[in-house]
Amino acid sequence: MQRRLEGKVSSFFFEYDTPGWCSVRNKKVGVTFRLIQLVVLVYVIGWVFLYEKGYQSADSLISSVSVKFKGLTVTNVTGMGPHIWDVADYVFPPQGSSSFVVMTNFILTTDQQQGNCPEVKPGHSTPLGLGSWGRPDGGGRALLDIRTGRCVSFNKTVKTCEVFAWCPLEVDDNIPDPPLLQEAENFTLFIKNSISFPRFKVNRRNLVESIDNKYLKNCLYHKTRDPLCPVFKLGYIVSESGQDFRALALKGGVVGITIDWNCDLDWPVRFCKPVYQFHSLYDEGNKISSGFNFRFARYYTNGTSRRKLFKVFGIQFDIMVDGKAGKFDIIPTMTTIGSGIGIFGVVSSRVSGGRGRPVPPLAPRLPPFAGEAGGGGGHRVGWGWESGEEYLRDVWEAGGDRTLSGAAPGLKLGGTGPG
């Protein structure tokens, strides 16, 4: 029992096994084998290491965006007369966040005050006969006023329900065409973007090293001539998103502005620069609830509370910042190298034989035979071929050529046994 235990311990510490190998002299097999190795090598080095930068650790960004507008236009609309529109009038919200609306068209209802007046829509002309004020049963979401229950003359031929509301009621059937603020196409937008990669302690702004005050006052963004200028013409943004400004300004829409920061911090930080892109977020083919609009009012008092109601059509701009940074790190580098070596080793250990039969996996070790027992340092064969292990032993003991012509043309066996 003790000798068996000593033998096992001795075998565990002082013996090792090496895999068998075969040499296949076959052009098709050899070329196929090398091509497979080449594909794996290109994948590991080209894709994993270089393209995916498997030697780097990565970090996502933290971002802040603010905007400023410049532009002035004038309109002459019934009920307002000549009117100057500046940034405080046509940008919502005025403080300049990463999502904002630029007014391009509007419908004005002037001199509204609270009182009773006939409904505008002839489709709502059914007398209700209510005995008291209040919304009728089943009035639905479309009602924007309180019906009194009386029928009054809308005009000489049509009677409608009387309502308690801001009178006169808004008529929004006819949208001004061309858009009243079409000059917004020439307004300019200044974007300030600050980012941070906290893991690498790197902070950047879109006002990079090449931008100074003189340049900033005169530059205008163009994707090829001036790709780093942070001042944008609204018409150019809409055009680059694949839309027509006049068509979009008529009923409104949505445009996305993306700022991409993809930085390789193995290079100097000055090479970490933003890339601007513009996207249409509005489906012109969808006729259901098309465009973008909202309402706001300007109130004033002249004995009674009055207001001007604006139904605003505008373009909503959404600024989205995305990106990541990478920098050399020994841990992902060693992980990538190790996995690449493992994949390469697996592929290299599988090769087809001369007769189209795959090389079998390693078989259990053969018992000692002539040469090994004599202490001459004989070899073991780690796997069997067509005729099995007995055939290999016979060839070896006979001292024959190590080429097994009977098994497969050009097949050689090799390998070493326990050391």
Protein backbone atom coordinates (compact mmCIF):
# COMPACT_ATOMS: atom_id res chain seq x y z
CA MET A 1 0.00 0.00 0.00
CA GLN A 2 2.84 2.32 0.95
CA ARG A 3 4.73 1.52 -2.26
CA ARG A 4 1.64 2.26 -4.34
CA LEU A 5 1.19 5.57 -2.59
CA GLU A 6 4.87 6.43 -3.07
CA GLY A 7 4.58 5.50 -6.72
CA LYS A 8 1.59 7.77 -7.25
CA VAL A 9 3.32 10.67 -5.50
CA SER A 10 6.50 10.08 -7.51
CA SER A 11 4.51 9.89 -10.74
CA PHE A 12 2.66 13.12 -9.89
CA PHE A 13 5.83 15.12 -9.22
CA PHE A 14 8.41 13.58 -11.56
CA GLU A 15 6.54 12.52 -14.70
CA TYR A 16 5.00 14.61 -17.45
CA ASP A 17 3.25 13.79 -20.71
CA THR A 18 3.66 15.46 -24.10
CA PRO A 19 1.10 15.17 -26.87
CA GLY A 20 1.75 13.12 -29.97
CA TRP A 21 2.06 14.80 -33.35
CA CYS A 22 1.71 13.85 -36.96
CA SER A 23 3.26 15.19 -40.17
CA VAL A 24 0.86 15.08 -43.13
CA ARG A 25 2.53 15.44 -46.54
CA ASN A 26 -0.56 16.51 -48.42
CA LYS A 27 -0.88 19.84 -50.25
CA LYS A 28 -4.62 20.25 -49.76
CA VAL A 29 -4.46 19.46 -46.05
CA GLY A 30 -1.42 21.69 -45.55
CA VAL A 31 -2.91 24.68 -47.39
CA THR A 32 -6.24 24.30 -45.58
CA PHE A 33 -4.46 24.12 -42.23
CA ARG A 34 -2.41 27.25 -42.90
CA LEU A 35 -5.45 29.16 -44.17
CA ILE A 36 -7.35 28.35 -40.98
CA GLN A 37 -4.39 29.53 -38.93
CA LEU A 38 -4.21 32.73 -41.01
CA VAL A 39 -7.91 33.48 -40.49
CA VAL A 40 -7.57 33.01 -36.73
CA LEU A 41 -4.43 35.16 -36.68
CA VAL A 42 -6.12 37.97 -38.62
CA TYR A 43 -9.15 37.78 -36.31
CA VAL A 44 -7.07 37.95 -33.13
CA ILE A 45 -4.65 40.65 -34.27
CA GLY A 46 -6.76 42.63 -36.74
CA TRP A 47 -10.21 42.56 -35.17
CA VAL A 48 -9.77 41.89 -31.44
CA PHE A 49 -6.48 43.71 -30.92
CA LEU A 50 -6.42 46.59 -33.41
CA TYR A 51 -10.06 47.34 -34.36
CA GLU A 52 -11.71 46.58 -31.01
CA LYS A 53 -8.62 47.78 -29.13
CA GLY A 54 -8.56 44.77 -26.84
CA TYR A 55 -5.44 46.13 -25.14
CA GLN A 56 -7.34 49.09 -23.62
CA SER A 57 -9.66 49.67 -20.70
CA ALA A 58 -12.65 51.94 -21.45
CA ASP A 59 -14.66 54.65 -19.74
CA SER A 60 -17.94 56.41 -20.59
CA LEU A 61 -18.40 60.16 -20.43
CA ILE A 62 -20.28 62.68 -18.28
CA SER A 63 -21.62 65.62 -20.28
CA SER A 64 -23.16 69.09 -19.99
CA VAL A 65 -24.64 71.17 -22.85
CA SER A 66 -25.74 74.79 -23.15
CA VAL A 67 -26.76 76.79 -26.23
CA LYS A 68 -27.04 80.39 -27.41
CA PHE A 69 -29.00 81.77 -30.35
CA LYS A 70 -28.54 84.77 -32.59
CA GLY A 71 -31.05 86.01 -35.13
CA LEU A 72 -33.69 88.66 -35.76
CA THR A 73 -36.74 88.78 -38.02
CA VAL A 74 -39.90 90.86 -38.53
CA THR A 75 -43.52 89.93 -39.27
CA ASN A 76 -46.63 91.92 -40.19
CA VAL A 77 -49.70 89.95 -39.08
CA THR A 78 -53.27 91.18 -38.74
CA GLY A 79 -53.90 91.97 -35.10
CA MET A 80 -50.22 92.61 -34.34
CA GLY A 81 -48.95 94.86 -37.11
CA PRO A 82 -45.18 95.05 -37.70
CA HIS A 83 -43.45 93.04 -34.99
CA ILE A 84 -39.77 92.36 -34.27
CA TRP A 85 -38.90 88.83 -33.16
CA ASP A 86 -35.66 88.24 -31.29
CA VAL A 87 -34.24 85.33 -29.29
CA ALA A 88 -36.45 86.03 -26.27
CA ASP A 89 -39.54 85.72 -28.49
CA TYR A 90 -38.92 82.64 -30.64
CA VAL A 91 -36.84 80.23 -28.49
CA PHE A 92 -38.51 77.98 -25.89
CA PRO A 93 -37.28 77.63 -23.19
CA PRO A 94 -35.24 80.85 -23.30
CA GLN A 95 -32.44 79.67 -20.95
CA GLY A 96 -30.93 77.37 -23.58
CA SER A 97 -30.98 73.71 -22.51
CA SER A 98 -30.07 70.64 -24.56
CA SER A 99 -33.67 70.37 -25.82
CA PHE A 100 -35.39 73.48 -27.16
CA VAL A 101 -37.89 74.71 -29.76
CA VAL A 102 -37.44 77.43 -32.37
CA MET A 103 -40.71 79.03 -33.50
CA THR A 104 -41.09 79.04 -37.29
CA ASN A 105 -44.83 79.66 -37.77
CA PHE A 106 -47.86 80.59 -35.67
CA ILE A 107 -51.61 81.28 -35.61
CA LEU A 108 -52.61 84.34 -33.60
CA THR A 109 -55.92 84.88 -31.79
CA THR A 110 -56.03 88.45 -30.48
CA ASP A 111 -57.89 90.27 -27.73
CA GLN A 112 -59.26 87.22 -25.94
CA GLN A 113 -61.16 87.67 -22.69
CA GLN A 114 -63.27 85.34 -20.60
CA GLY A 115 -66.97 85.31 -21.44
CA ASN A 116 -69.74 83.59 -23.42
CA CYS A 117 -69.53 83.07 -27.17
CA PRO A 118 -70.68 80.55 -29.83
CA GLU A 119 -68.58 77.49 -30.58
CA VAL A 120 -66.54 77.79 -33.72
CA LYS A 121 -66.93 74.28 -35.07
CA PRO A 122 -70.25 73.62 -36.86
CA GLY A 123 -69.74 69.96 -35.99
CA HIS A 124 -70.54 70.83 -32.36
CA SER A 125 -73.93 72.45 -33.17
CA THR A 126 -76.30 70.02 -31.43
CA PRO A 127 -78.35 71.85 -28.73
CA LEU A 128 -77.79 70.26 -25.34
CA GLY A 129 -80.70 71.69 -23.32
CA LEU A 130 -78.76 71.56 -20.05
CA GLY A 131 -80.42 73.31 -17.15
CA SER A 132 -77.11 74.45 -15.63
CA TRP A 133 -73.56 75.20 -16.69
CA GLY A 134 -71.13 72.37 -16.97
CA ARG A 135 -69.49 69.93 -19.33
CA PRO A 136 -72.10 67.65 -20.93
CA ASP A 137 -71.95 63.91 -20.30
CA GLY A 138 -69.62 62.19 -22.75
CA GLY A 139 -68.10 65.49 -23.83
CA GLY A 140 -64.77 63.82 -24.62
CA ARG A 141 -61.17 65.07 -24.56
CA ALA A 142 -61.57 67.43 -27.55
CA LEU A 143 -63.65 70.03 -25.64
CA LEU A 144 -61.56 73.03 -24.59
CA ASP A 145 -64.40 75.08 -23.09
CA ILE A 146 -67.49 74.85 -20.89
CA ARG A 147 -70.87 74.62 -22.61
CA THR A 148 -73.70 76.64 -21.08
CA GLY A 149 -76.49 74.49 -22.54
CA ARG A 150 -77.87 77.23 -24.82
CA CYS A 151 -77.96 77.37 -28.61
CA VAL A 152 -76.85 80.67 -30.14
CA SER A 153 -76.29 81.94 -33.65
CA PHE A 154 -72.80 81.30 -35.00
CA ASN A 155 -73.72 83.15 -38.21
CA LYS A 156 -76.88 83.86 -40.19
CA THR A 157 -77.42 80.20 -41.11
CA VAL A 158 -75.71 78.09 -38.42
CA LYS A 159 -76.40 77.77 -34.71
CA THR A 160 -73.88 76.29 -32.31
CA CYS A 161 -73.58 75.65 -28.61
CA GLU A 162 -72.78 78.62 -26.44
CA VAL A 163 -69.63 78.18 -24.39
CA PHE A 164 -67.93 79.92 -21.51
CA ALA A 165 -64.31 80.32 -22.59
CA TRP A 166 -61.61 82.71 -23.71
CA CYS A 167 -63.49 84.52 -26.47
CA PRO A 168 -63.26 84.83 -29.40
CA LEU A 169 -62.32 81.15 -29.83
CA GLU A 170 -59.26 80.12 -31.78
CA VAL A 171 -59.65 79.22 -35.46
CA ASP A 172 -56.66 77.06 -36.45
CA ASP A 173 -57.83 75.58 -39.76
CA ASN A 174 -55.64 77.77 -41.97
CA ILE A 175 -51.91 77.51 -41.28
CA PRO A 176 -49.94 80.46 -42.76
CA ASP A 177 -48.01 79.41 -45.86
CA PRO A 178 -45.20 80.36 -46.36
CA PRO A 179 -44.14 80.16 -42.70
CA LEU A 180 -44.17 83.52 -40.94
CA LEU A 181 -40.69 83.05 -39.45
CA GLN A 182 -39.04 81.35 -42.40
CA GLU A 183 -36.07 83.67 -41.83
CA ALA A 184 -35.20 81.35 -38.92
CA GLU A 185 -33.31 79.34 -41.55
CA ASN A 186 -30.50 81.90 -41.22
CA PHE A 187 -30.44 82.02 -37.41
CA THR A 188 -27.26 80.69 -35.78
CA LEU A 189 -26.88 78.27 -32.89
CA PHE A 190 -23.80 78.23 -30.64
CA ILE A 191 -23.32 74.93 -28.75
CA LYS A 192 -21.08 74.68 -25.71
CA ASN A 193 -20.35 71.14 -24.59
CA SER A 194 -18.20 70.04 -21.65
CA ILE A 195 -17.36 66.39 -21.00
CA SER A 196 -15.37 64.35 -18.51
CA PHE A 197 -13.90 60.84 -18.48
CA PRO A 198 -13.67 60.40 -14.69
CA ARG A 199 -11.74 57.13 -14.75
CA PHE A 200 -8.86 58.72 -16.66
CA LYS A 201 -9.31 62.20 -15.10
CA VAL A 202 -9.66 63.84 -18.50
CA ASN A 203 -11.86 66.91 -19.08
CA ARG A 204 -12.59 68.36 -22.52
CA ARG A 205 -14.71 71.06 -24.17
CA ASN A 206 -15.84 71.32 -27.77
CA LEU A 207 -13.90 74.61 -27.81
CA VAL A 208 -10.67 72.75 -28.58
CA GLU A 209 -7.12 74.14 -28.68
CA SER A 210 -7.39 75.45 -32.26
CA ILE A 211 -10.40 77.69 -31.41
CA ASP A 212 -9.86 81.25 -30.14
CA ASN A 213 -12.10 84.32 -29.82
CA LYS A 214 -11.25 85.68 -33.26
CA TYR A 215 -11.97 82.35 -34.94
CA LEU A 216 -15.20 81.90 -32.98
CA LYS A 217 -16.61 85.25 -34.13
CA ASN A 218 -16.21 84.41 -37.82
CA CYS A 219 -16.52 80.64 -38.20
CA LEU A 220 -19.60 78.72 -39.34
CA TYR A 221 -19.81 74.93 -39.14
CA HIS A 222 -19.34 72.87 -42.31
CA LYS A 223 -18.73 69.12 -42.15
CA THR A 224 -15.67 69.25 -44.43
CA ARG A 225 -14.39 72.85 -44.45
CA ASP A 226 -14.90 73.66 -40.76
CA PRO A 227 -15.85 70.52 -38.78
CA LEU A 228 -14.79 71.86 -35.35
CA CYS A 229 -16.66 75.18 -35.39
CA PRO A 230 -19.41 75.11 -32.69
CA VAL A 231 -21.58 77.73 -34.47
CA PHE A 232 -24.30 76.23 -36.67
CA LYS A 233 -26.76 77.68 -39.16
CA LEU A 234 -30.23 76.23 -38.57
CA GLY A 235 -30.86 75.80 -42.29
CA TYR A 236 -27.63 73.78 -42.63
CA ILE A 237 -28.56 71.53 -39.67
CA VAL A 238 -31.98 70.74 -41.17
CA SER A 239 -30.46 70.18 -44.63
CA GLU A 240 -27.82 67.77 -43.26
CA SER A 241 -30.57 65.83 -41.49
CA GLY A 242 -32.13 65.16 -44.91
CA GLN A 243 -35.12 67.50 -44.65
CA ASP A 244 -36.36 70.65 -46.37
CA PHE A 245 -36.41 73.65 -44.03
CA ARG A 246 -39.48 75.33 -45.55
CA ALA A 247 -41.56 72.13 -45.37
CA LEU A 248 -40.44 71.46 -41.80
CA ALA A 249 -41.04 75.06 -40.71
CA LEU A 250 -44.65 75.03 -41.95
CA LYS A 251 -46.01 72.58 -39.33
CA GLY A 252 -42.94 71.89 -37.23
CA GLY A 253 -40.84 68.79 -36.63
CA VAL A 254 -37.95 67.30 -34.64
CA VAL A 255 -34.21 67.26 -35.44
CA GLY A 256 -31.52 65.43 -33.47
CA ILE A 257 -27.96 66.74 -33.05
CA THR A 258 -25.41 64.19 -31.81
CA ILE A 259 -21.94 65.00 -30.50
CA ASP A 260 -19.65 61.97 -30.51
CA TRP A 261 -16.48 61.82 -28.42
CA ASN A 262 -14.53 58.63 -29.24
CA CYS A 263 -11.07 59.20 -27.81
CA ASP A 264 -7.91 57.10 -27.84
CA LEU A 265 -6.05 58.42 -24.80
CA ASP A 266 -2.87 56.55 -25.72
CA TRP A 267 -2.36 59.60 -27.97
CA PRO A 268 -2.06 63.18 -26.61
CA VAL A 269 -5.37 64.53 -25.30
CA ARG A 270 -5.46 67.27 -27.97
CA PHE A 271 -6.46 64.60 -30.48
CA CYS A 272 -9.67 63.97 -28.52
CA LYS A 273 -12.14 66.02 -30.60
CA PRO A 274 -15.93 66.07 -31.11
CA VAL A 275 -17.75 64.87 -34.22
CA TYR A 276 -21.14 66.43 -35.01
CA GLN A 277 -23.96 64.62 -36.81
CA PHE A 278 -27.55 65.56 -37.61
CA HIS A 279 -30.57 63.26 -37.81
CA SER A 280 -34.21 63.56 -38.81
CA LEU A 281 -36.49 62.41 -35.98
CA TYR A 282 -39.65 63.26 -37.85
CA ASP A 283 -41.57 60.92 -40.17
CA GLU A 284 -43.02 63.06 -42.97
CA GLY A 285 -45.03 60.12 -44.31
CA ASN A 286 -47.06 59.76 -41.12
CA LYS A 287 -50.15 61.97 -41.46
CA ILE A 288 -51.49 61.23 -37.96
CA SER A 289 -50.78 64.16 -35.63
CA SER A 290 -48.16 65.48 -38.03
CA GLY A 291 -45.82 68.33 -37.16
CA PHE A 292 -44.93 69.83 -33.80
CA ASN A 293 -46.95 72.60 -32.11
CA PHE A 294 -47.97 74.02 -28.75
CA ARG A 295 -49.77 77.10 -27.40
CA PHE A 296 -48.75 79.99 -25.20
CA ALA A 297 -50.37 83.29 -24.27
CA ARG A 298 -49.31 86.84 -23.50
CA TYR A 299 -51.52 88.48 -20.92
CA TYR A 300 -52.24 92.13 -20.33
CA THR A 301 -54.82 94.12 -18.35
CA ASN A 302 -56.97 96.96 -19.56
CA GLY A 303 -59.73 97.02 -16.99
CA THR A 304 -60.27 93.31 -17.64
CA SER A 305 -57.88 90.41 -18.10
CA ARG A 306 -57.05 89.96 -21.78
CA ARG A 307 -54.55 87.93 -23.76
CA LYS A 308 -53.09 87.11 -27.14
CA LEU A 309 -53.08 83.37 -27.84
CA PHE A 310 -50.35 81.90 -30.05
CA LYS A 311 -50.51 78.45 -31.58
CA VAL A 312 -46.83 77.93 -32.27
CA PHE A 313 -45.37 75.64 -34.94
CA GLY A 314 -41.67 75.06 -34.46
CA ILE A 315 -38.67 72.80 -34.86
CA GLN A 316 -37.59 70.95 -31.74
CA PHE A 317 -33.83 70.38 -31.51
CA ASP A 318 -32.54 67.62 -29.21
CA ILE A 319 -28.79 67.60 -28.51
CA MET A 320 -27.43 64.18 -27.50
CA VAL A 321 -23.83 63.54 -26.39
CA ASP A 322 -22.25 60.10 -26.61
CA GLY A 323 -18.80 58.60 -26.63
CA LYS A 324 -16.14 56.63 -24.82
CA ALA A 325 -12.43 56.75 -24.13
CA GLY A 326 -9.86 53.98 -24.12
CA LYS A 327 -6.36 53.74 -22.67
CA PHE A 328 -3.71 51.02 -22.49
CA ASP A 329 -4.14 48.66 -19.55
CA ILE A 330 -2.01 45.59 -18.87
CA ILE A 331 -4.90 43.47 -17.55
CA PRO A 332 -7.12 43.52 -20.70
CA THR A 333 -3.94 43.24 -22.79
CA MET A 334 -2.89 39.97 -21.12
CA THR A 335 -6.47 38.69 -21.21
CA THR A 336 -6.71 39.34 -24.95
CA ILE A 337 -3.31 37.76 -25.64
CA GLY A 338 -4.20 34.69 -23.57
CA SER A 339 -7.53 34.15 -25.29
CA GLY A 340 -5.90 34.61 -28.68
CA ILE A 341 -3.22 32.02 -27.92
CA GLY A 342 -5.91 29.63 -26.69
CA ILE A 343 -7.97 29.97 -29.88
CA PHE A 344 -4.84 29.59 -32.03
CA GLY A 345 -3.79 26.49 -30.09
CA VAL A 346 -7.20 24.83 -30.46
CA VAL A 347 -7.19 25.39 -34.22
CA SER A 348 -3.59 24.20 -34.61
CA SER A 349 -4.33 20.91 -32.79
CA ARG A 350 -7.06 19.88 -35.25
CA VAL A 351 -5.89 18.82 -38.68
CA SER A 352 -7.38 16.40 -41.22
CA GLY A 353 -5.58 13.22 -42.21
CA GLY A 354 -4.61 12.16 -45.73
CA ARG A 355 -7.80 10.13 -46.23
CA GLY A 356 -10.14 12.85 -45.00
CA ARG A 357 -10.42 11.36 -41.51
CA PRO A 358 -9.81 13.73 -38.55
CA VAL A 359 -6.92 13.05 -36.24
CA PRO A 360 -8.44 11.34 -33.19
CA PRO A 361 -8.13 13.01 -29.79
CA LEU A 362 -5.41 11.87 -27.46
CA ALA A 363 -5.98 8.33 -26.19
CA PRO A 364 -4.93 6.81 -22.84
CA ARG A 365 -1.23 6.26 -22.48
CA LEU A 366 0.16 2.92 -23.76
CA PRO A 367 1.76 0.50 -21.31
CA PRO A 368 5.55 0.26 -21.38
CA PHE A 369 7.02 -1.83 -24.16
CA ALA A 370 10.43 -2.75 -25.58
CA GLY A 371 12.91 0.06 -25.40
CA GLU A 372 11.13 1.78 -22.54
CA ALA A 373 11.47 -1.20 -20.21
CA GLY A 374 15.14 -1.45 -21.05
CA GLY A 375 15.71 2.02 -19.82
CA GLY A 376 16.65 3.20 -23.28
CA GLY A 377 14.36 6.19 -23.15
CA GLY A 378 11.88 4.74 -25.64
CA HIS A 379 8.96 6.76 -27.06
CA ARG A 380 5.24 6.42 -26.46
CA VAL A 381 2.59 6.96 -29.05
CA GLY A 382 -0.16 9.15 -27.57
CA TRP A 383 -2.91 8.08 -29.98
CA GLY A 384 -3.88 5.26 -32.34
CA TRP A 385 -4.54 5.31 -36.11
CA GLU A 386 -6.72 3.00 -38.23
CA SER A 387 -5.19 -0.28 -37.03
CA GLY A 388 -5.18 0.72 -33.36
CA GLU A 389 -2.52 0.82 -30.69
CA GLU A 390 -1.30 -2.75 -31.29
CA TYR A 391 -0.38 -1.85 -34.87
CA LEU A 392 1.68 1.12 -33.73
CA ARG A 393 3.50 -0.97 -31.12
CA ASP A 394 4.36 -3.63 -33.66
CA VAL A 395 5.81 -1.07 -36.05
CA TRP A 396 7.86 0.49 -33.30
CA GLU A 397 9.26 -2.81 -31.95
CA ALA A 398 10.08 -3.98 -35.45
CA GLY A 399 12.31 -0.95 -35.85
CA GLY A 400 10.55 -0.08 -39.07
CA ASP A 401 10.25 3.29 -40.74
CA ARG A 402 8.21 5.69 -38.64
CA THR A 403 6.11 6.48 -41.69
CA LEU A 404 2.88 4.46 -41.66
CA SER A 405 2.29 4.03 -45.35
CA GLY A 406 -0.48 1.57 -44.68
CA ALA A 407 -2.44 4.10 -42.67
CA ALA A 408 -2.18 7.26 -44.72
CA PRO A 409 0.31 8.40 -47.38
CA GLY A 410 2.86 10.79 -45.95
CA LEU A 411 1.79 10.35 -42.32
CA LYS A 412 4.55 10.47 -39.75
CA LEU A 413 4.28 9.88 -36.03
CA GLY A 414 6.22 11.63 -33.37
CA GLY A 415 6.17 12.72 -29.78
CA THR A 416 7.90 11.88 -26.57
CA GLY A 417 6.79 9.91 -23.60
CA PRO A 418 7.10 10.52 -19.93
CA GLY A 419 10.23 12.29 -18.95
